[in-house]
Amino acid sequence: MALRPTRPQSRNEQLAERDAAQQDGFLREVDEALRQDEMVGAFKRYGKSVGVLIVAGLLGLAGWLWWTDHQKAARAERAETFVLALDQVEGGQLDAGYKALDPLAQQGGDGSQAAARMLQAGIALEQGRKSEAVKLLSAVAGDSAAAQPYRDLALVRQVAVEFDTMRPDDVVGKLKTLATPGNPWFASAAELVGMAYLKQGKNDLAGPLFAAISRDKDASDSARSRARQMAGLLGVDAIDDPGKAAAMPQAAPAAPGQ
């Protein structure tokens, strides 16, 4: 099938098509110019505020990155200081170790301050400076920024150091919440509370408490042994397994007149 030949455009049609193309290009240029004018106007109106926000965001990000890196470096430095002091203490250089811990004890962080003060308290006790040790332990026990395990341990140790000069009521009041089975410091706190009960003449409370310590699997062998003996003296059975009772050495009979 033959195609019909395309009719050539007339002069008027060519001029009309050219005018339409020119108008279309002109309209596009006008539209682009209007958009540019709108952007320039918006930038003049809001550009300063947007710029401030962008700069503030960049500064905040840079500050956060610096702070994170600084914190990591500071933690590493504190850990190195503590390990060095601990090595000195273990090597018998108590004065040097105590002095090395001073920066951490004054301005430590992330638990390093509490740990440094606890170690300094131990050094002070070793050197016979009881009042200084009590002051350091009391500071840790009362430090709301310190982790609770540090605070509880410091309180138990403080009471242990001051036990002979404390009123039994005060011992019980300070440690009764810790002298509960399941507490990480149960054995140490309960032993002190039990001794305070004995001072108060409350053997009916002391006996079962010592028996509970003797059955505490998390307590040290020495603590369980002491508690078992105390419970037995108070007439409380602290042995669950009869076979263990038979295997235990019996106390020698008291000499006449004793």
Protein backbone atom coordinates (compact mmCIF):
# COMPACT_ATOMS: atom_id res chain seq x y z
CA MET A 1 0.00 0.00 0.00
CA ALA A 2 1.55 3.29 -1.07
CA LEU A 3 1.98 6.06 1.52
CA ARG A 4 0.57 9.45 0.82
CA PRO A 5 3.31 12.03 0.29
CA THR A 6 3.73 14.56 3.16
CA ARG A 7 2.44 17.96 2.17
CA PRO A 8 5.13 20.62 2.47
CA GLN A 9 4.44 23.33 5.12
CA SER A 10 3.36 26.65 3.84
CA ARG A 11 5.26 29.82 4.72
CA ASN A 12 2.59 30.86 7.22
CA GLU A 13 2.70 27.50 8.98
CA GLN A 14 6.48 27.68 9.29
CA LEU A 15 6.29 31.15 10.82
CA ALA A 16 3.57 30.04 13.26
CA GLU A 17 5.63 27.04 14.41
CA ARG A 18 8.73 29.23 14.93
CA ASP A 19 6.75 31.74 16.96
CA ALA A 20 5.30 28.97 19.11
CA ALA A 21 8.82 27.59 19.82
CA GLN A 22 10.11 31.07 20.70
CA GLN A 23 7.20 31.68 23.05
CA ASP A 24 7.71 28.32 24.72
CA GLY A 25 11.41 29.06 25.30
CA PHE A 26 10.58 32.52 26.61
CA LEU A 27 8.05 31.11 29.06
CA ARG A 28 10.62 28.58 30.33
CA GLU A 29 13.17 31.36 30.86
CA VAL A 30 10.61 33.47 32.71
CA ASP A 31 9.64 30.50 34.90
CA GLU A 32 13.31 29.76 35.68
CA ALA A 33 13.92 33.41 36.52
CA LEU A 34 10.93 33.46 38.83
CA ARG A 35 12.18 30.36 40.62
CA GLN A 36 15.64 31.90 41.03
CA ASP A 37 14.06 35.08 42.39
CA GLU A 38 12.05 33.01 44.88
CA MET A 39 15.18 31.16 46.02
CA VAL A 40 17.12 34.39 46.38
CA GLY A 41 14.25 35.94 48.33
CA ALA A 42 13.92 32.92 50.59
CA PHE A 43 17.65 32.88 51.21
CA LYS A 44 17.62 36.59 52.03
CA ARG A 45 14.70 36.05 54.38
CA TYR A 46 15.69 32.78 56.05
CA GLY A 47 19.29 32.23 55.01
CA LYS A 48 20.79 33.65 58.19
CA SER A 49 18.69 31.46 60.48
CA VAL A 50 19.31 28.36 58.39
CA GLY A 51 23.02 29.10 58.34
CA VAL A 52 23.10 29.48 62.10
CA LEU A 53 21.31 26.15 62.54
CA ILE A 54 23.71 24.38 60.20
CA VAL A 55 26.76 25.84 61.92
CA ALA A 56 25.33 25.00 65.36
CA GLY A 57 24.66 21.41 64.26
CA LEU A 58 28.18 21.00 62.92
CA LEU A 59 29.68 22.47 66.08
CA GLY A 60 27.51 20.15 68.21
CA LEU A 61 28.61 17.11 66.24
CA ALA A 62 32.26 18.12 66.48
CA GLY A 63 31.88 18.70 70.23
CA TRP A 64 30.24 15.31 70.75
CA LEU A 65 32.99 13.54 68.80
CA TRP A 66 35.67 15.35 70.80
CA TRP A 67 33.94 14.59 74.13
CA THR A 68 33.56 10.89 73.30
CA ASP A 69 37.22 10.59 72.37
CA HIS A 70 38.26 12.58 75.45
CA GLN A 71 36.18 10.35 77.74
CA LYS A 72 37.74 7.19 76.30
CA ALA A 73 41.24 8.61 76.76
CA ALA A 74 40.43 9.76 80.31
CA ARG A 75 39.06 6.33 81.28
CA ALA A 76 42.16 4.63 79.92
CA GLU A 77 44.39 7.04 81.85
CA ARG A 78 42.46 6.49 85.10
CA ALA A 79 42.66 2.72 84.69
CA GLU A 80 46.40 2.91 84.12
CA THR A 81 46.83 5.08 87.24
CA PHE A 82 44.81 2.68 89.38
CA VAL A 83 46.72 -0.39 88.17
CA LEU A 84 50.05 1.34 88.85
CA ALA A 85 48.93 2.22 92.40
CA LEU A 86 47.70 -1.31 92.98
CA ASP A 87 51.05 -2.74 91.88
CA GLN A 88 52.81 -0.43 94.33
CA VAL A 89 50.54 -1.50 97.18
CA GLU A 90 51.02 -5.19 96.40
CA GLY A 91 54.76 -4.54 96.34
CA GLY A 92 54.65 -3.09 99.85
CA GLN A 93 55.05 0.54 98.73
CA LEU A 94 52.01 1.74 100.66
CA ASP A 95 52.92 5.43 100.83
CA ALA A 96 53.68 5.60 97.12
CA GLY A 97 50.49 3.73 96.27
CA TYR A 98 48.39 6.00 98.49
CA LYS A 99 49.85 9.11 96.88
CA ALA A 100 49.36 7.73 93.37
CA LEU A 101 45.65 7.27 94.12
CA ASP A 102 45.13 10.90 95.19
CA PRO A 103 44.17 12.22 91.70
CA LEU A 104 41.54 9.50 91.31
CA ALA A 105 40.24 9.91 94.86
CA GLN A 106 39.78 13.63 94.30
CA GLN A 107 38.52 13.80 90.71
CA GLY A 108 37.97 10.28 89.46
CA GLY A 109 34.97 9.10 87.51
CA ASP A 110 33.11 5.97 86.33
CA GLY A 111 33.68 4.25 89.66
CA SER A 112 37.41 5.01 89.77
CA GLN A 113 36.94 7.58 92.54
CA ALA A 114 35.09 5.13 94.78
CA ALA A 115 37.60 2.35 94.05
CA ALA A 116 40.52 4.69 94.79
CA ARG A 117 39.03 5.80 98.09
CA MET A 118 38.32 2.20 99.09
CA LEU A 119 41.92 1.23 98.39
CA GLN A 120 43.22 4.27 100.26
CA ALA A 121 41.05 3.28 103.22
CA GLY A 122 42.63 -0.18 103.17
CA ILE A 123 46.10 1.36 103.14
CA ALA A 124 45.18 3.68 106.02
CA LEU A 125 43.94 0.71 108.06
CA GLU A 126 47.11 -1.23 107.30
CA GLN A 127 49.12 1.70 108.61
CA GLY A 128 46.98 2.12 111.73
CA ARG A 129 45.22 5.30 110.64
CA LYS A 130 41.73 4.18 111.61
CA SER A 131 40.03 7.61 111.68
CA GLU A 132 41.27 8.39 108.16
CA ALA A 133 40.04 5.02 106.90
CA VAL A 134 36.62 5.63 108.43
CA LYS A 135 36.45 9.07 106.81
CA LEU A 136 37.24 7.63 103.37
CA LEU A 137 34.75 4.77 103.71
CA SER A 138 32.07 7.14 104.95
CA ALA A 139 32.65 9.39 101.92
CA VAL A 140 32.08 6.46 99.54
CA ALA A 141 29.05 5.16 101.44
CA GLY A 142 27.43 8.60 101.31
CA ASP A 143 28.31 9.42 97.70
CA SER A 144 25.10 9.40 95.68
CA ALA A 145 27.12 9.45 92.44
CA ALA A 146 28.90 6.19 93.28
CA ALA A 147 27.51 2.85 92.16
CA GLN A 148 25.37 1.13 94.80
CA PRO A 149 27.67 -1.92 95.19
CA TYR A 150 30.55 0.40 96.10
CA ARG A 151 28.36 2.27 98.58
CA ASP A 152 27.12 -0.92 100.22
CA LEU A 153 30.60 -2.43 100.51
CA ALA A 154 31.97 0.81 101.96
CA LEU A 155 29.19 0.85 104.54
CA VAL A 156 29.86 -2.74 105.60
CA ARG A 157 33.58 -2.08 105.94
CA GLN A 158 32.98 1.16 107.82
CA VAL A 159 30.75 -0.58 110.36
CA ALA A 160 33.28 -3.41 110.70
CA VAL A 161 36.04 -0.90 111.47
CA GLU A 162 33.90 1.03 113.97
CA PHE A 163 32.01 -1.96 115.41
CA ASP A 164 33.69 -1.95 118.83
CA THR A 165 32.78 1.70 119.43
CA MET A 166 29.28 1.65 117.91
CA ARG A 167 26.01 1.13 119.71
CA PRO A 168 24.42 -2.23 118.73
CA ASP A 169 21.24 -0.41 117.70
CA ASP A 170 23.24 1.69 115.22
CA VAL A 171 24.90 -1.41 113.76
CA VAL A 172 21.54 -3.05 113.19
CA GLY A 173 20.04 0.15 111.80
CA LYS A 174 22.81 0.63 109.25
CA LEU A 175 23.13 -2.95 108.05
CA LYS A 176 19.74 -4.61 108.53
CA THR A 177 18.68 -4.06 104.90
CA LEU A 178 21.94 -5.63 103.68
CA ALA A 179 21.69 -8.56 106.11
CA THR A 180 19.06 -10.21 103.95
CA PRO A 181 19.63 -13.53 102.11
CA GLY A 182 20.25 -12.85 98.45
CA ASN A 183 22.01 -9.55 99.02
CA PRO A 184 25.60 -9.56 97.66
CA TRP A 185 26.94 -8.49 101.06
CA PHE A 186 24.62 -10.70 103.11
CA ALA A 187 27.27 -12.80 104.87
CA SER A 188 29.45 -9.85 105.93
CA ALA A 189 26.53 -7.64 106.97
CA ALA A 190 24.61 -10.45 108.70
CA GLU A 191 27.64 -11.49 110.73
CA LEU A 192 27.96 -7.95 112.10
CA VAL A 193 24.23 -7.69 112.75
CA GLY A 194 24.29 -11.08 114.48
CA MET A 195 27.08 -9.91 116.79
CA ALA A 196 25.10 -6.74 117.51
CA TYR A 197 22.07 -8.89 118.44
CA LEU A 198 24.29 -10.79 120.89
CA LYS A 199 25.31 -7.51 122.50
CA GLN A 200 21.63 -6.66 122.82
CA GLY A 201 20.92 -10.03 124.39
CA LYS A 202 18.70 -11.03 121.46
CA ASN A 203 20.01 -14.56 121.04
CA ASP A 204 16.71 -15.62 119.49
CA LEU A 205 17.46 -13.32 116.56
CA ALA A 206 21.19 -13.95 116.36
CA GLY A 207 20.99 -17.78 116.21
CA PRO A 208 18.80 -18.08 113.07
CA LEU A 209 20.81 -15.33 111.37
CA PHE A 210 24.09 -17.19 111.92
CA ALA A 211 22.41 -20.38 110.70
CA ALA A 212 21.35 -18.58 107.51
CA ILE A 213 24.94 -17.45 106.92
CA SER A 214 26.20 -21.01 107.34
CA ARG A 215 23.84 -22.13 104.56
CA ASP A 216 24.72 -19.29 102.20
CA LYS A 217 26.54 -20.84 99.24
CA ASP A 218 27.93 -17.44 98.22
CA ALA A 219 29.59 -16.87 101.59
CA SER A 220 33.25 -17.71 102.08
CA ASP A 221 34.15 -20.99 103.78
CA SER A 222 35.57 -19.15 106.76
CA ALA A 223 32.40 -17.06 107.20
CA ARG A 224 30.20 -20.16 106.96
CA SER A 225 32.37 -22.01 109.46
CA ARG A 226 32.25 -19.18 111.99
CA ALA A 227 28.50 -18.82 111.55
CA ARG A 228 27.94 -22.56 111.99
CA GLN A 229 29.87 -22.53 115.24
CA MET A 230 27.99 -19.47 116.54
CA ALA A 231 24.62 -20.99 115.61
CA GLY A 232 25.56 -24.21 117.40
CA LEU A 233 26.56 -22.31 120.54
CA LEU A 234 23.17 -20.59 120.45
CA GLY A 235 21.33 -23.90 120.13
CA VAL A 236 20.34 -23.52 116.48
CA ASP A 237 20.91 -26.42 114.09
CA ALA A 238 22.90 -25.03 111.18
CA ILE A 239 23.65 -28.35 109.45
CA ASP A 240 21.26 -29.53 106.74
CA ASP A 241 23.00 -32.84 105.99
CA PRO A 242 23.27 -35.28 108.93
CA GLY A 243 26.23 -36.94 107.20
CA LYS A 244 28.14 -33.68 107.41
CA ALA A 245 27.40 -33.46 111.13
CA ALA A 246 28.90 -36.92 111.71
CA ALA A 247 31.99 -35.98 109.73
CA MET A 248 32.56 -32.75 111.65
CA PRO A 249 35.12 -32.89 114.47
CA GLN A 250 33.52 -32.70 117.88
CA ALA A 251 34.64 -30.08 120.38
CA ALA A 252 36.75 -31.43 123.23
CA PRO A 253 34.95 -31.66 126.55
CA ALA A 254 35.58 -28.81 128.93
CA ALA A 255 38.00 -29.42 131.75
CA PRO A 256 36.51 -29.75 135.23
CA GLY A 257 35.84 -26.42 136.83
CA GLN A 258 35.76 -24.60 133.57
